[in-house]
Amino acid sequence: MAFIHKTTMTPGKLELLTAWLPARPWYTGSPDGPELSKAGGFRLDDPDGEVGIEFMVVTDVSGGAPVAYHVPVTYRGAPRDGAEAALIGTSEHGVLGRRWVYDAAHDPVAVGQLLALLQGQAEPQHQSQSDTPDPSVISDFTAGKTAAITEVTSIEDTPNGTDIAVQTEPLGALTIRIVRVLRRDQETTPNALGSVTAEWHSPNGDQNRGPFAVLNP
């Protein structure tokens, strides 16, 4: 399980996302940029122990009514070849040194672990505590047979989220949708094969729950 270092990152995560979010198709805040605060999330472990995987929720109040954005990211100790377009930025970690921060939708390690989570095969971890499972993150898988990714065929960012089309064995073509704008009690698609729901908090302290990712045929 991942060890969470109690240290600094410079620039911090919110600073990196403040610069990155306005160019995303799901961003609905002020054109002058978001006003972000942390609102929740969880982590997944990389089986090889090389890549940090964090599913962050940040709340933006720049447009008036608060909007909760779901931003999965990966942290790597070196740049990933061919992934320049997915780079959110670099940051100096107080213990680990320079970290390359990527949009996890474009990181094959994170996508593989997200599919495992959707199928109930990966244990979600607390966002800020080492070696601590997070039972509030719930997977619901209805397909019966589990699958492994053989190829990522496309990744499409839309105003509704990020759709990752994959080929799997033995279930064939599937689509992993990362929900980007979180809404309380939002329903999944009727034909979904699986979903992951988790919690986040509003600026006024209210707790919310909704789908973070959905697996579609």
Protein backbone atom coordinates (compact mmCIF):
# COMPACT_ATOMS: atom_id res chain seq x y z
CA MET A 1 0.00 0.00 0.00
CA ALA A 2 1.12 3.54 -0.75
CA PHE A 3 2.86 5.63 1.89
CA ILE A 4 1.58 9.20 2.17
CA HIS A 5 4.37 11.66 2.99
CA LYS A 6 3.42 14.58 5.22
CA THR A 7 5.35 17.20 3.27
CA THR A 8 5.00 20.01 0.75
CA MET A 9 4.60 20.20 -3.02
CA THR A 10 5.73 23.33 -4.85
CA PRO A 11 3.68 24.39 -6.73
CA GLY A 12 0.81 22.79 -4.88
CA LYS A 13 -1.92 20.66 -6.41
CA LEU A 14 -4.49 23.46 -6.41
CA GLU A 15 -2.04 25.80 -8.13
CA LEU A 16 -1.42 23.24 -10.89
CA LEU A 17 -5.15 22.64 -11.38
CA THR A 18 -5.97 26.35 -11.38
CA ALA A 19 -3.81 26.74 -14.49
CA TRP A 20 -4.96 23.48 -16.13
CA LEU A 21 -8.73 23.37 -15.62
CA PRO A 22 -9.90 26.35 -17.75
CA ALA A 23 -8.90 24.59 -20.98
CA ARG A 24 -10.96 21.47 -20.20
CA PRO A 25 -14.28 21.06 -22.06
CA TRP A 26 -16.14 20.34 -18.79
CA TYR A 27 -14.96 23.55 -17.10
CA THR A 28 -17.89 25.89 -16.38
CA GLY A 29 -16.28 28.51 -14.13
CA SER A 30 -15.07 32.04 -14.68
CA PRO A 31 -12.95 32.72 -17.79
CA ASP A 32 -10.54 34.43 -15.40
CA GLY A 33 -9.84 31.06 -13.79
CA PRO A 34 -11.22 28.92 -10.99
CA GLU A 35 -11.20 29.55 -7.25
CA LEU A 36 -10.45 26.08 -5.93
CA SER A 37 -10.58 24.29 -2.61
CA LYS A 38 -10.09 20.63 -1.77
CA ALA A 39 -13.34 18.70 -1.41
CA GLY A 40 -12.47 15.00 -1.10
CA GLY A 41 -11.15 12.02 -2.98
CA PHE A 42 -9.31 8.73 -2.55
CA ARG A 43 -6.30 6.84 -3.86
CA LEU A 44 -5.50 3.57 -5.60
CA ASP A 45 -2.29 1.60 -5.34
CA ASP A 46 -0.05 0.85 -8.30
CA PRO A 47 0.74 -2.89 -8.03
CA ASP A 48 4.34 -2.11 -9.03
CA GLY A 49 4.66 0.70 -6.50
CA GLU A 50 5.97 3.21 -9.05
CA VAL A 51 3.02 5.50 -9.85
CA GLY A 52 0.94 7.49 -7.38
CA ILE A 53 -2.78 7.47 -8.26
CA GLU A 54 -5.12 10.00 -6.68
CA PHE A 55 -8.78 10.70 -7.46
CA MET A 56 -9.14 14.32 -6.37
CA VAL A 57 -12.27 16.41 -5.94
CA VAL A 58 -11.93 20.18 -6.00
CA THR A 59 -14.71 22.75 -5.61
CA ASP A 60 -14.75 25.91 -7.74
CA VAL A 61 -16.73 28.96 -6.64
CA SER A 62 -15.57 31.33 -9.40
CA GLY A 63 -18.88 31.09 -11.26
CA GLY A 64 -21.14 31.73 -8.27
CA ALA A 65 -22.73 28.39 -7.38
CA PRO A 66 -20.09 25.83 -6.27
CA VAL A 67 -19.07 23.23 -8.87
CA ALA A 68 -17.31 20.02 -7.82
CA TYR A 69 -14.77 18.74 -10.35
CA HIS A 70 -13.40 15.20 -10.28
CA VAL A 71 -9.75 15.23 -11.34
CA PRO A 72 -7.90 11.89 -11.23
CA VAL A 73 -4.14 12.44 -11.40
CA THR A 74 -0.99 10.34 -11.42
CA TYR A 75 2.38 11.22 -9.96
CA ARG A 76 5.53 9.91 -11.63
CA GLY A 77 9.21 10.24 -10.82
CA ALA A 78 10.12 10.77 -14.49
CA PRO A 79 8.29 12.01 -17.59
CA ARG A 80 6.27 9.39 -19.46
CA ASP A 81 7.24 9.08 -23.13
CA GLY A 82 4.61 10.42 -25.52
CA ALA A 83 2.38 11.84 -22.78
CA GLU A 84 3.19 15.53 -23.10
CA ALA A 85 -0.43 16.45 -23.90
CA ALA A 86 -1.63 14.81 -20.66
CA LEU A 87 0.87 16.63 -18.42
CA ILE A 88 -0.81 18.86 -15.85
CA GLY A 89 2.53 20.16 -14.59
CA THR A 90 5.60 19.40 -12.51
CA SER A 91 6.05 19.95 -8.80
CA GLU A 92 8.86 19.65 -6.27
CA HIS A 93 7.94 17.13 -3.60
CA GLY A 94 9.57 17.71 -0.23
CA VAL A 95 10.69 14.06 0.07
CA LEU A 96 10.58 12.50 -3.40
CA GLY A 97 11.92 15.42 -5.45
CA ARG A 98 10.48 16.41 -8.80
CA ARG A 99 7.18 14.78 -9.70
CA TRP A 100 5.45 14.80 -13.07
CA VAL A 101 1.69 15.17 -12.58
CA TYR A 102 -0.55 13.73 -15.32
CA ASP A 103 -4.24 13.56 -16.12
CA ALA A 104 -4.88 9.97 -15.01
CA ALA A 105 -7.34 9.36 -17.85
CA HIS A 106 -4.29 9.23 -20.14
CA ASP A 107 -2.12 7.10 -17.85
CA PRO A 108 -2.39 3.35 -18.54
CA VAL A 109 -1.48 2.41 -14.97
CA ALA A 110 -4.36 4.46 -13.58
CA VAL A 111 -6.83 3.27 -16.24
CA GLY A 112 -6.00 -0.36 -15.48
CA GLN A 113 -6.49 0.17 -11.76
CA LEU A 114 -9.72 2.10 -12.32
CA LEU A 115 -11.14 -0.83 -14.29
CA ALA A 116 -10.08 -3.12 -11.45
CA LEU A 117 -11.87 -0.84 -8.99
CA LEU A 118 -15.03 -0.78 -11.12
CA GLN A 119 -14.99 -4.58 -10.97
CA GLY A 120 -14.38 -4.68 -7.22
CA GLN A 121 -10.83 -5.99 -7.64
CA ALA A 122 -8.88 -2.99 -6.28
CA GLU A 123 -9.16 -1.67 -2.74
CA PRO A 124 -9.63 2.11 -2.52
CA GLN A 125 -7.28 3.86 -0.11
CA HIS A 126 -7.71 6.91 2.10
CA GLN A 127 -6.65 10.10 0.37
CA SER A 128 -4.31 11.34 3.11
CA GLN A 129 -3.53 8.37 5.39
CA SER A 130 -1.02 5.61 4.65
CA ASP A 131 -2.09 1.97 4.55
CA THR A 132 -5.72 2.85 5.29
CA PRO A 133 -8.58 1.51 3.14
CA ASP A 134 -11.48 3.86 2.41
CA PRO A 135 -14.74 1.91 2.81
CA SER A 136 -16.81 4.93 1.74
CA VAL A 137 -15.76 4.27 -1.89
CA ILE A 138 -18.21 1.67 -3.22
CA SER A 139 -17.97 -0.44 -6.38
CA ASP A 140 -21.05 -1.97 -8.01
CA PHE A 141 -20.27 -4.51 -10.76
CA THR A 142 -23.01 -6.40 -12.59
CA ALA A 143 -21.27 -7.94 -15.60
CA GLY A 144 -20.42 -11.22 -13.87
CA LYS A 145 -17.17 -12.00 -15.67
CA THR A 146 -14.28 -9.68 -14.95
CA ALA A 147 -12.03 -8.31 -17.70
CA ALA A 148 -8.49 -7.09 -18.26
CA ILE A 149 -7.49 -4.34 -20.68
CA THR A 150 -5.64 -5.45 -23.79
CA GLU A 151 -5.66 -2.06 -25.54
CA VAL A 152 -6.82 1.52 -25.00
CA THR A 153 -8.37 2.50 -28.34
CA SER A 154 -9.44 6.12 -27.73
CA ILE A 155 -9.77 8.80 -25.06
CA GLU A 156 -12.33 11.56 -25.60
CA ASP A 157 -12.89 14.60 -23.39
CA THR A 158 -16.41 16.02 -23.63
CA PRO A 159 -18.49 18.49 -21.61
CA ASN A 160 -20.01 15.44 -19.88
CA GLY A 161 -16.80 13.71 -18.87
CA THR A 162 -13.95 11.64 -20.23
CA ASP A 163 -14.72 8.45 -22.17
CA ILE A 164 -11.93 5.87 -22.35
CA ALA A 165 -12.64 3.18 -24.94
CA VAL A 166 -10.81 -0.09 -24.24
CA GLN A 167 -10.57 -3.57 -25.63
CA THR A 168 -10.70 -6.22 -22.95
CA GLU A 169 -10.41 -9.93 -22.53
CA PRO A 170 -12.91 -11.60 -22.35
CA LEU A 171 -15.64 -8.89 -22.51
CA GLY A 172 -14.49 -7.15 -25.69
CA ALA A 173 -15.08 -3.42 -26.21
CA LEU A 174 -15.99 -1.39 -23.11
CA THR A 175 -16.05 2.30 -22.24
CA ILE A 176 -14.89 3.71 -18.93
CA ARG A 177 -16.50 7.08 -18.29
CA ILE A 178 -14.82 9.35 -15.77
CA VAL A 179 -17.47 11.71 -14.40
CA ARG A 180 -15.87 15.16 -14.29
CA VAL A 181 -18.62 17.37 -12.83
CA LEU A 182 -19.96 15.64 -9.73
CA ARG A 183 -23.64 15.91 -8.85
CA ARG A 184 -25.36 14.64 -5.78
CA ASP A 185 -27.36 11.42 -6.33
CA GLN A 186 -26.68 11.50 -10.08
CA GLU A 187 -27.90 8.29 -11.73
CA THR A 188 -25.73 6.09 -13.93
CA THR A 189 -26.73 5.01 -17.42
CA PRO A 190 -29.39 2.24 -17.44
CA ASN A 191 -27.15 -0.30 -19.22
CA ALA A 192 -24.04 0.32 -17.09
CA LEU A 193 -21.99 -2.76 -16.20
CA GLY A 194 -20.47 -1.14 -13.14
CA SER A 195 -19.93 2.08 -11.25
CA VAL A 196 -17.86 3.61 -8.47
CA THR A 197 -19.54 6.02 -6.06
CA ALA A 198 -17.75 8.11 -3.46
CA GLU A 199 -18.18 11.14 -1.24
CA TRP A 200 -17.14 14.78 -1.33
CA HIS A 201 -18.06 17.82 0.74
CA SER A 202 -19.58 21.16 -0.25
CA PRO A 203 -18.09 24.48 0.93
CA ASN A 204 -20.85 24.68 3.57
CA GLY A 205 -19.79 21.30 4.98
CA ASP A 206 -22.61 19.20 3.50
CA GLN A 207 -21.60 15.65 2.53
CA ASN A 208 -22.47 14.46 -0.97
CA ARG A 209 -22.32 11.11 -2.74
CA GLY A 210 -22.44 10.33 -6.44
CA PRO A 211 -20.80 8.35 -9.25
CA PHE A 212 -17.14 9.06 -9.97
CA ALA A 213 -16.78 6.51 -12.80
CA VAL A 214 -19.08 4.26 -14.85
CA LEU A 215 -18.37 1.17 -16.93
CA ASN A 216 -20.46 0.94 -20.09
CA PRO A 217 -20.67 -1.75 -22.80
